[in-house]
């Protein structure tokens, strides 16, 4: 005797909860989401939503991933949270220079995610151009959550930060 299947809405509620779970890293999130998407055709979109809901990037080290995402709008509609890791140097290290071109591609990603609700950005020791660019590009986005980690300096003062944040 076959077991009765759960209602699609119940399954969707259960699996939708997974997209908000804390995973150790993006690989674990994507592996979990892709595993769910392979269960059956009904679960395919739910699994993809889990896999791509939250993405953590380095401003310049993940340039290939950013380019890949920008070329796949069907994935970008799943992204609800973007986090850009801070470039905090280890004790005794200098701040590594930021590749502006690669960083600006990351800024494009912010504007290209229509369902983006949470943004976590870090820019220690930068001049504020990235935060300005994000504020300009995300003007049409309604964010529920914005976290900014920045060390004012190099011509970017605390008042510049407040002025830029007011544009979000």
N, C-alpha and C. Protein backbone atom coordinates (compact mmCIF):
# COMPACT_ATOMS: atom_id res chain seq x y z
N UNK A 1 0.85 -1.17 0.00
CA UNK A 1 0.00 0.00 0.00
C UNK A 1 0.90 1.23 0.00
N UNK A 2 0.77 2.09 -1.03
CA UNK A 2 1.59 3.30 -1.06
C UNK A 2 1.17 4.28 0.02
N UNK A 3 2.16 4.95 0.57
CA UNK A 3 1.89 5.97 1.59
C UNK A 3 1.36 7.23 0.93
N UNK A 4 0.43 7.90 1.58
CA UNK A 4 -0.07 9.16 1.00
C UNK A 4 1.04 10.22 1.04
N UNK A 5 1.09 11.05 0.02
CA UNK A 5 2.12 12.09 -0.03
C UNK A 5 1.65 13.33 0.73
N UNK A 6 2.61 14.07 1.21
CA UNK A 6 2.29 15.33 1.89
C UNK A 6 1.76 16.33 0.88
N UNK A 7 0.92 17.19 1.33
CA UNK A 7 0.44 18.25 0.46
C UNK A 7 1.63 19.10 0.01
N UNK A 8 1.58 19.53 -1.22
CA UNK A 8 2.68 20.33 -1.77
C UNK A 8 2.96 21.57 -0.93
N UNK A 9 1.92 22.19 -0.39
CA UNK A 9 2.11 23.40 0.41
C UNK A 9 2.84 23.11 1.72
N UNK A 10 2.57 21.95 2.31
CA UNK A 10 3.25 21.58 3.55
C UNK A 10 4.73 21.34 3.27
N UNK A 11 5.01 20.62 2.19
CA UNK A 11 6.40 20.37 1.81
C UNK A 11 7.11 21.69 1.53
N UNK A 12 6.44 22.58 0.83
CA UNK A 12 7.04 23.89 0.51
C UNK A 12 7.36 24.67 1.78
N UNK A 13 6.47 24.64 2.77
CA UNK A 13 6.73 25.34 4.03
C UNK A 13 7.92 24.75 4.77
N UNK A 14 7.99 23.42 4.78
CA UNK A 14 9.10 22.75 5.47
C UNK A 14 10.42 23.08 4.78
N UNK A 15 10.44 22.95 3.46
CA UNK A 15 11.69 23.18 2.73
C UNK A 15 12.05 24.66 2.67
N UNK A 16 11.06 25.54 2.66
CA UNK A 16 11.34 26.97 2.64
C UNK A 16 12.09 27.40 3.89
N UNK A 17 11.82 26.71 4.99
CA UNK A 17 12.52 27.00 6.24
C UNK A 17 14.03 26.76 6.08
N UNK A 18 14.41 25.79 5.27
CA UNK A 18 15.83 25.47 5.09
C UNK A 18 16.62 26.63 4.49
N UNK A 19 15.99 27.46 3.68
CA UNK A 19 16.75 28.55 3.06
C UNK A 19 17.22 29.57 4.10
N UNK A 20 16.54 29.61 5.26
CA UNK A 20 16.93 30.55 6.32
C UNK A 20 17.87 29.92 7.34
N UNK A 21 18.14 28.63 7.19
CA UNK A 21 19.03 27.95 8.14
C UNK A 21 20.46 28.43 7.99
N UNK A 22 21.20 28.34 9.08
CA UNK A 22 22.61 28.69 9.04
C UNK A 22 23.39 27.45 8.62
N UNK A 23 24.12 27.56 7.55
CA UNK A 23 24.98 26.50 7.08
C UNK A 23 26.42 26.89 7.40
N UNK A 24 27.31 25.91 7.47
CA UNK A 24 28.70 26.20 7.77
C UNK A 24 29.33 27.08 6.70
N UNK A 25 28.94 26.84 5.45
CA UNK A 25 29.48 27.63 4.35
C UNK A 25 28.54 27.52 3.15
N UNK A 26 28.86 28.25 2.10
CA UNK A 26 28.01 28.24 0.91
C UNK A 26 27.99 26.88 0.23
N UNK A 27 29.10 26.15 0.30
CA UNK A 27 29.13 24.82 -0.33
C UNK A 27 28.11 23.90 0.32
N UNK A 28 28.05 23.90 1.64
CA UNK A 28 27.07 23.07 2.34
C UNK A 28 25.64 23.48 1.96
N UNK A 29 25.40 24.77 1.88
CA UNK A 29 24.07 25.27 1.48
C UNK A 29 23.72 24.78 0.08
N UNK A 30 24.66 24.95 -0.85
CA UNK A 30 24.37 24.54 -2.23
C UNK A 30 24.22 23.03 -2.34
N UNK A 31 25.06 22.27 -1.64
CA UNK A 31 24.94 20.81 -1.68
C UNK A 31 23.58 20.37 -1.14
N UNK A 32 23.13 20.98 -0.04
CA UNK A 32 21.82 20.64 0.53
C UNK A 32 20.71 20.99 -0.46
N UNK A 33 20.75 22.18 -1.00
CA UNK A 33 19.73 22.61 -1.95
C UNK A 33 19.70 21.75 -3.19
N UNK A 34 20.87 21.42 -3.72
CA UNK A 34 20.91 20.59 -4.92
C UNK A 34 20.42 19.17 -4.63
N UNK A 35 20.71 18.66 -3.44
CA UNK A 35 20.20 17.33 -3.07
C UNK A 35 18.68 17.34 -3.01
N UNK A 36 18.12 18.38 -2.41
CA UNK A 36 16.65 18.51 -2.35
C UNK A 36 16.08 18.60 -3.76
N UNK A 37 16.74 19.34 -4.63
CA UNK A 37 16.22 19.53 -5.99
C UNK A 37 16.21 18.25 -6.81
N UNK A 38 16.99 17.25 -6.40
CA UNK A 38 17.05 15.99 -7.14
C UNK A 38 16.00 14.98 -6.69
N UNK A 39 15.25 15.27 -5.63
CA UNK A 39 14.27 14.32 -5.10
C UNK A 39 13.18 14.05 -6.13
N UNK A 40 12.58 15.09 -6.64
CA UNK A 40 11.53 14.94 -7.65
C UNK A 40 11.32 16.28 -8.34
N UNK A 41 10.54 16.27 -9.39
CA UNK A 41 10.34 17.52 -10.14
C UNK A 41 9.64 18.58 -9.30
N UNK A 42 8.77 18.18 -8.39
CA UNK A 42 8.08 19.16 -7.54
C UNK A 42 9.05 19.86 -6.59
N UNK A 43 10.10 19.17 -6.20
CA UNK A 43 11.06 19.73 -5.26
C UNK A 43 12.20 20.48 -5.95
N UNK A 44 12.27 20.42 -7.25
CA UNK A 44 13.39 21.01 -7.98
C UNK A 44 13.54 22.50 -7.68
N UNK A 45 12.49 23.28 -7.86
CA UNK A 45 12.57 24.73 -7.62
C UNK A 45 12.80 25.05 -6.15
N UNK A 46 12.21 24.25 -5.27
CA UNK A 46 12.41 24.48 -3.83
C UNK A 46 13.88 24.28 -3.45
N UNK A 47 14.49 23.25 -4.02
CA UNK A 47 15.91 22.99 -3.75
C UNK A 47 16.81 24.09 -4.28
N UNK A 48 16.49 24.58 -5.47
CA UNK A 48 17.28 25.67 -6.05
C UNK A 48 17.16 26.93 -5.19
N UNK A 49 15.99 27.18 -4.63
CA UNK A 49 15.80 28.34 -3.76
C UNK A 49 16.69 28.22 -2.52
N UNK A 50 16.79 27.02 -1.96
CA UNK A 50 17.66 26.79 -0.80
C UNK A 50 19.12 27.03 -1.19
N UNK A 51 19.52 26.47 -2.33
CA UNK A 51 20.92 26.52 -2.76
C UNK A 51 21.41 27.94 -3.01
N UNK A 52 20.56 28.80 -3.54
CA UNK A 52 21.01 30.12 -3.96
C UNK A 52 20.42 31.27 -3.16
N UNK A 53 19.73 30.99 -2.07
CA UNK A 53 19.10 32.06 -1.28
C UNK A 53 20.14 33.01 -0.68
N UNK A 54 21.21 32.46 -0.13
CA UNK A 54 22.25 33.28 0.52
C UNK A 54 23.60 32.98 -0.11
N UNK A 55 24.32 34.04 -0.45
CA UNK A 55 25.63 33.90 -1.08
C UNK A 55 26.61 34.79 -0.33
N UNK A 56 27.77 34.22 0.00
CA UNK A 56 28.84 34.97 0.64
C UNK A 56 30.00 35.05 -0.34
N UNK A 57 30.49 36.25 -0.56
CA UNK A 57 31.54 36.48 -1.54
C UNK A 57 32.67 37.31 -0.95
N UNK A 58 33.83 37.16 -1.54
CA UNK A 58 34.95 38.06 -1.29
C UNK A 58 34.90 39.09 -2.41
N UNK A 59 35.18 40.33 -2.11
CA UNK A 59 35.04 41.40 -3.11
C UNK A 59 35.73 41.09 -4.42
N UNK A 60 36.93 40.53 -4.38
CA UNK A 60 37.66 40.31 -5.64
C UNK A 60 38.02 38.85 -5.89
N UNK A 61 38.14 38.04 -4.86
CA UNK A 61 38.57 36.65 -5.06
C UNK A 61 37.52 35.79 -5.74
N UNK A 62 36.27 36.19 -5.70
CA UNK A 62 35.19 35.39 -6.28
C UNK A 62 34.67 35.99 -7.58
N UNK A 63 35.55 36.63 -8.34
CA UNK A 63 35.14 37.31 -9.57
C UNK A 63 34.49 36.34 -10.56
N UNK A 64 35.02 35.12 -10.68
CA UNK A 64 34.43 34.15 -11.62
C UNK A 64 33.03 33.76 -11.20
N UNK A 65 32.81 33.58 -9.90
CA UNK A 65 31.47 33.24 -9.42
C UNK A 65 30.50 34.39 -9.70
N UNK A 66 30.94 35.62 -9.47
CA UNK A 66 30.10 36.79 -9.73
C UNK A 66 29.73 36.85 -11.22
N UNK A 67 30.72 36.66 -12.09
CA UNK A 67 30.44 36.68 -13.53
C UNK A 67 29.47 35.57 -13.91
N UNK A 68 29.65 34.39 -13.32
CA UNK A 68 28.74 33.27 -13.59
C UNK A 68 27.32 33.57 -13.15
N UNK A 69 27.19 34.17 -11.98
CA UNK A 69 25.85 34.53 -11.48
C UNK A 69 25.21 35.60 -12.35
N UNK A 70 25.99 36.59 -12.75
CA UNK A 70 25.44 37.66 -13.59
C UNK A 70 24.93 37.13 -14.93
N UNK A 71 25.50 36.03 -15.38
CA UNK A 71 25.06 35.45 -16.66
C UNK A 71 23.88 34.50 -16.49
N UNK A 72 23.41 34.28 -15.26
CA UNK A 72 22.32 33.34 -15.00
C UNK A 72 21.19 34.02 -14.24
N UNK A 73 20.36 34.82 -14.92
CA UNK A 73 19.28 35.53 -14.24
C UNK A 73 18.28 34.61 -13.53
N UNK A 74 18.17 33.37 -13.99
CA UNK A 74 17.25 32.44 -13.32
C UNK A 74 17.73 32.09 -11.91
N UNK A 75 19.02 32.21 -11.65
CA UNK A 75 19.54 32.01 -10.29
C UNK A 75 19.43 33.29 -9.47
N UNK A 76 19.62 34.42 -10.11
CA UNK A 76 19.59 35.70 -9.39
C UNK A 76 18.23 35.98 -8.76
N UNK A 77 17.15 35.47 -9.35
CA UNK A 77 15.82 35.69 -8.75
C UNK A 77 15.66 34.89 -7.46
N UNK A 78 16.54 33.94 -7.19
CA UNK A 78 16.48 33.14 -5.97
C UNK A 78 17.26 33.79 -4.82
N UNK A 79 18.16 34.72 -5.13
CA UNK A 79 19.05 35.30 -4.13
C UNK A 79 18.29 36.29 -3.25
N UNK A 80 18.28 36.02 -1.95
CA UNK A 80 17.62 36.90 -0.99
C UNK A 80 18.60 37.59 -0.05
N UNK A 81 19.83 37.05 0.04
CA UNK A 81 20.84 37.60 0.96
C UNK A 81 22.21 37.54 0.28
N UNK A 82 22.88 38.67 0.27
CA UNK A 82 24.26 38.75 -0.22
C UNK A 82 25.15 39.24 0.90
N UNK A 83 26.28 38.57 1.07
CA UNK A 83 27.27 39.00 2.06
C UNK A 83 28.61 39.14 1.36
N UNK A 84 29.25 40.27 1.57
CA UNK A 84 30.58 40.49 1.04
C UNK A 84 31.54 40.56 2.22
N UNK A 85 32.48 39.62 2.24
CA UNK A 85 33.42 39.53 3.35
C UNK A 85 34.33 40.75 3.41
N UNK A 86 34.63 41.13 4.62
CA UNK A 86 35.56 42.24 4.85
C UNK A 86 36.98 41.79 4.55
N UNK A 87 37.77 42.73 4.13
CA UNK A 87 39.17 42.48 3.83
C UNK A 87 40.02 42.84 5.05
N UNK A 88 39.75 42.24 6.18
CA UNK A 88 40.47 42.58 7.41
C UNK A 88 41.82 41.87 7.42
N UNK A 89 42.92 42.63 7.50
CA UNK A 89 44.24 42.00 7.51
C UNK A 89 44.53 41.34 8.86
N UNK A 90 45.37 40.32 8.82
CA UNK A 90 45.84 39.68 10.04
C UNK A 90 46.83 40.62 10.73
N UNK A 91 47.05 40.45 12.04
CA UNK A 91 48.02 41.31 12.72
C UNK A 91 49.38 41.26 12.01
N UNK A 92 49.94 42.44 11.77
CA UNK A 92 51.23 42.54 11.09
C UNK A 92 51.13 42.60 9.57
N UNK A 93 49.94 42.38 9.01
CA UNK A 93 49.75 42.44 7.56
C UNK A 93 49.23 43.81 7.15
N UNK A 94 49.55 44.19 5.95
CA UNK A 94 48.98 45.41 5.38
C UNK A 94 47.64 45.06 4.74
N UNK A 95 46.78 46.03 4.61
CA UNK A 95 45.52 45.85 3.91
C UNK A 95 45.82 45.60 2.44
N UNK A 96 45.28 44.52 1.90
CA UNK A 96 45.58 44.26 0.49
C UNK A 96 44.74 45.17 -0.39
N UNK A 97 45.35 45.62 -1.48
CA UNK A 97 44.63 46.53 -2.36
C UNK A 97 43.44 45.83 -3.02
N UNK A 98 42.41 46.58 -3.27
CA UNK A 98 41.20 46.05 -3.86
C UNK A 98 41.21 46.28 -5.36
N UNK A 99 40.89 45.26 -6.11
CA UNK A 99 40.77 45.38 -7.56
C UNK A 99 39.43 46.04 -7.85
N UNK A 100 39.45 47.31 -8.21
CA UNK A 100 38.20 48.07 -8.39
C UNK A 100 37.28 47.45 -9.43
N UNK A 101 37.85 46.99 -10.53
CA UNK A 101 37.01 46.43 -11.60
C UNK A 101 36.27 45.18 -11.11
N UNK A 102 36.98 44.30 -10.41
CA UNK A 102 36.34 43.10 -9.88
C UNK A 102 35.31 43.46 -8.82
N UNK A 103 35.64 44.44 -7.98
CA UNK A 103 34.71 44.85 -6.93
C UNK A 103 33.45 45.47 -7.52
N UNK A 104 33.59 46.22 -8.60
CA UNK A 104 32.41 46.84 -9.22
C UNK A 104 31.50 45.81 -9.88
N UNK A 105 32.06 44.66 -10.31
CA UNK A 105 31.21 43.56 -10.79
C UNK A 105 30.36 43.03 -9.65
N UNK A 106 30.93 42.99 -8.46
CA UNK A 106 30.16 42.57 -7.29
C UNK A 106 29.04 43.55 -7.00
N UNK A 107 29.30 44.84 -7.22
CA UNK A 107 28.26 45.85 -7.05
C UNK A 107 27.13 45.62 -8.05
N UNK A 108 27.48 45.24 -9.29
CA UNK A 108 26.47 44.92 -10.30
C UNK A 108 25.57 43.79 -9.81
N UNK A 109 26.16 42.84 -9.10
CA UNK A 109 25.40 41.71 -8.59
C UNK A 109 24.30 42.17 -7.64
N UNK A 110 24.60 43.17 -6.82
CA UNK A 110 23.59 43.70 -5.88
C UNK A 110 22.38 44.21 -6.66
N UNK A 111 22.62 44.94 -7.72
CA UNK A 111 21.53 45.51 -8.52
C UNK A 111 20.79 44.44 -9.32
N UNK A 112 21.45 43.32 -9.61
CA UNK A 112 20.86 42.29 -10.47
C UNK A 112 20.00 41.28 -9.72
N UNK A 113 19.92 41.38 -8.41
CA UNK A 113 19.14 40.42 -7.61
C UNK A 113 17.79 41.04 -7.24
N UNK A 114 16.72 40.74 -7.98
CA UNK A 114 15.44 41.41 -7.75
C UNK A 114 14.77 41.06 -6.42
N UNK A 115 15.09 39.92 -5.84
CA UNK A 115 14.47 39.50 -4.58
C UNK A 115 15.37 39.75 -3.37
N UNK A 116 16.43 40.52 -3.55
CA UNK A 116 17.38 40.77 -2.47
C UNK A 116 16.70 41.49 -1.31
N UNK A 117 16.81 40.91 -0.12
CA UNK A 117 16.20 41.49 1.08
C UNK A 117 17.22 41.81 2.16
N UNK A 118 18.41 41.18 2.09
CA UNK A 118 19.42 41.39 3.12
C UNK A 118 20.79 41.56 2.46
N UNK A 119 21.51 42.55 2.91
CA UNK A 119 22.83 42.85 2.36
C UNK A 119 23.79 43.09 3.51
N UNK A 120 24.91 42.39 3.48
CA UNK A 120 25.93 42.49 4.52
C UNK A 120 27.24 42.82 3.80
N UNK A 121 27.75 44.02 4.02
CA UNK A 121 28.95 44.45 3.30
C UNK A 121 30.01 44.95 4.26
N UNK A 122 31.24 44.65 3.93
CA UNK A 122 32.37 45.11 4.74
C UNK A 122 33.45 45.70 3.87
N UNK A 123 33.93 46.86 4.25
CA UNK A 123 35.01 47.53 3.51
C UNK A 123 35.97 48.23 4.47
N UNK A 124 36.80 47.54 5.19
CA UNK A 124 37.73 48.26 6.06
C UNK A 124 38.79 48.99 5.25
N UNK A 125 39.02 50.24 5.63
CA UNK A 125 40.10 51.02 5.05
C UNK A 125 39.88 51.48 3.62
N UNK A 126 38.67 51.40 3.11
CA UNK A 126 38.43 51.83 1.73
C UNK A 126 37.95 53.28 1.72
N UNK A 127 37.92 53.86 0.53
CA UNK A 127 37.56 55.27 0.43
C UNK A 127 36.07 55.52 0.29
N UNK A 128 35.26 54.51 0.35
CA UNK A 128 33.82 54.68 0.31
C UNK A 128 33.20 54.55 -1.07
N UNK A 129 34.02 54.41 -2.12
CA UNK A 129 33.45 54.34 -3.47
C UNK A 129 32.55 53.13 -3.64
N UNK A 130 32.88 52.00 -3.01
CA UNK A 130 32.03 50.81 -3.15
C UNK A 130 30.68 51.01 -2.47
N UNK A 131 30.69 51.58 -1.29
CA UNK A 131 29.43 51.83 -0.59
C UNK A 131 28.57 52.82 -1.38
N UNK A 132 29.20 53.85 -1.94
CA UNK A 132 28.47 54.79 -2.80
C UNK A 132 27.86 54.07 -3.99
N UNK A 133 28.65 53.22 -4.62
CA UNK A 133 28.16 52.50 -5.80
C UNK A 133 27.01 51.57 -5.45
N UNK A 134 27.10 50.90 -4.31
CA UNK A 134 26.01 50.02 -3.88
C UNK A 134 24.76 50.83 -3.58
N UNK A 135 24.92 51.96 -2.93
CA UNK A 135 23.75 52.81 -2.63
C UNK A 135 23.08 53.25 -3.93
N UNK A 136 23.88 53.61 -4.93
CA UNK A 136 23.32 54.01 -6.23
C UNK A 136 22.59 52.86 -6.90
N UNK A 137 23.20 51.65 -6.89
CA UNK A 137 22.65 50.51 -7.61
C UNK A 137 21.48 49.86 -6.90
N UNK A 138 21.39 50.02 -5.59
CA UNK A 138 20.32 49.33 -4.85
C UNK A 138 19.15 50.26 -4.54
N UNK A 139 19.10 51.40 -5.20
CA UNK A 139 18.02 52.36 -4.93
C UNK A 139 16.64 51.77 -5.21
N UNK A 140 16.56 50.85 -6.17
CA UNK A 140 15.27 50.25 -6.52
C UNK A 140 14.97 49.00 -5.69
N UNK A 141 15.91 48.58 -4.86
CA UNK A 141 15.75 47.38 -4.05
C UNK A 141 15.21 47.76 -2.68
N UNK A 142 14.28 46.97 -2.18
CA UNK A 142 13.76 47.20 -0.84
C UNK A 142 14.45 46.22 0.10
N UNK A 143 15.42 46.70 0.83
CA UNK A 143 16.15 45.85 1.77
C UNK A 143 15.45 45.85 3.12
N UNK A 144 15.33 44.66 3.70
CA UNK A 144 14.81 44.54 5.06
C UNK A 144 15.96 44.62 6.07
N UNK A 145 17.16 44.30 5.61
CA UNK A 145 18.31 44.24 6.51
C UNK A 145 19.55 44.73 5.78
N UNK A 146 20.28 45.64 6.41
CA UNK A 146 21.53 46.15 5.86
C UNK A 146 22.56 46.17 6.99
N UNK A 147 23.68 45.47 6.78
CA UNK A 147 24.79 45.49 7.73
C UNK A 147 26.00 46.04 6.99
N UNK A 148 26.63 47.03 7.59
CA UNK A 148 27.80 47.64 6.98
C UNK A 148 28.93 47.65 7.99
N UNK A 149 30.08 47.13 7.58
CA UNK A 149 31.30 47.20 8.39
C UNK A 149 32.30 48.01 7.60
N UNK A 150 32.67 49.15 8.13
CA UNK A 150 33.61 50.01 7.41
C UNK A 150 34.49 50.74 8.41
N UNK A 151 35.73 50.92 8.03
CA UNK A 151 36.65 51.73 8.82
C UNK A 151 36.82 53.04 8.07
N UNK A 152 36.23 54.13 8.58
CA UNK A 152 36.39 55.42 7.88
C UNK A 152 37.86 55.81 7.78
N UNK A 153 38.19 56.45 6.73
CA UNK A 153 39.56 56.88 6.50
C UNK A 153 39.78 57.12 5.02
N UNK A 154 40.98 57.53 4.65
CA UNK A 154 41.33 57.78 3.25
C UNK A 154 40.31 58.70 2.58
N UNK A 155 39.90 59.77 3.27
CA UNK A 155 38.96 60.72 2.68
C UNK A 155 37.51 60.33 2.83
N UNK A 156 37.23 59.25 3.54
CA UNK A 156 35.85 58.81 3.76
C UNK A 156 35.58 58.91 5.26
N UNK A 157 34.86 59.94 5.65
CA UNK A 157 34.65 60.23 7.07
C UNK A 157 33.35 59.63 7.57
N UNK A 158 33.14 59.74 8.86
CA UNK A 158 31.91 59.25 9.46
C UNK A 158 30.69 59.98 8.90
N UNK A 159 30.81 61.27 8.65
CA UNK A 159 29.68 62.01 8.07
C UNK A 159 29.40 61.55 6.64
N UNK A 160 30.45 61.17 5.88
CA UNK A 160 30.25 60.60 4.55
C UNK A 160 29.47 59.29 4.64
N UNK A 161 29.80 58.50 5.65
CA UNK A 161 29.11 57.23 5.86
C UNK A 161 27.63 57.45 6.14
N UNK A 162 27.32 58.38 7.03
CA UNK A 162 25.92 58.67 7.37
C UNK A 162 25.17 59.17 6.14
N UNK A 163 25.80 60.05 5.38
CA UNK A 163 25.17 60.58 4.16
C UNK A 163 24.89 59.46 3.15
N UNK A 164 25.84 58.55 3.00
CA UNK A 164 25.66 57.44 2.06
C UNK A 164 24.58 56.49 2.54
N UNK A 165 24.57 56.18 3.83
CA UNK A 165 23.55 55.26 4.36
C UNK A 165 22.15 55.82 4.21
N UNK A 166 22.01 57.13 4.24
CA UNK A 166 20.69 57.76 4.08
C UNK A 166 20.12 57.52 2.69
N UNK A 167 20.97 57.16 1.73
CA UNK A 167 20.50 56.92 0.37
C UNK A 167 19.92 55.53 0.17
N UNK A 168 20.06 54.65 1.15
CA UNK A 168 19.52 53.29 1.01
C UNK A 168 18.04 53.29 1.25
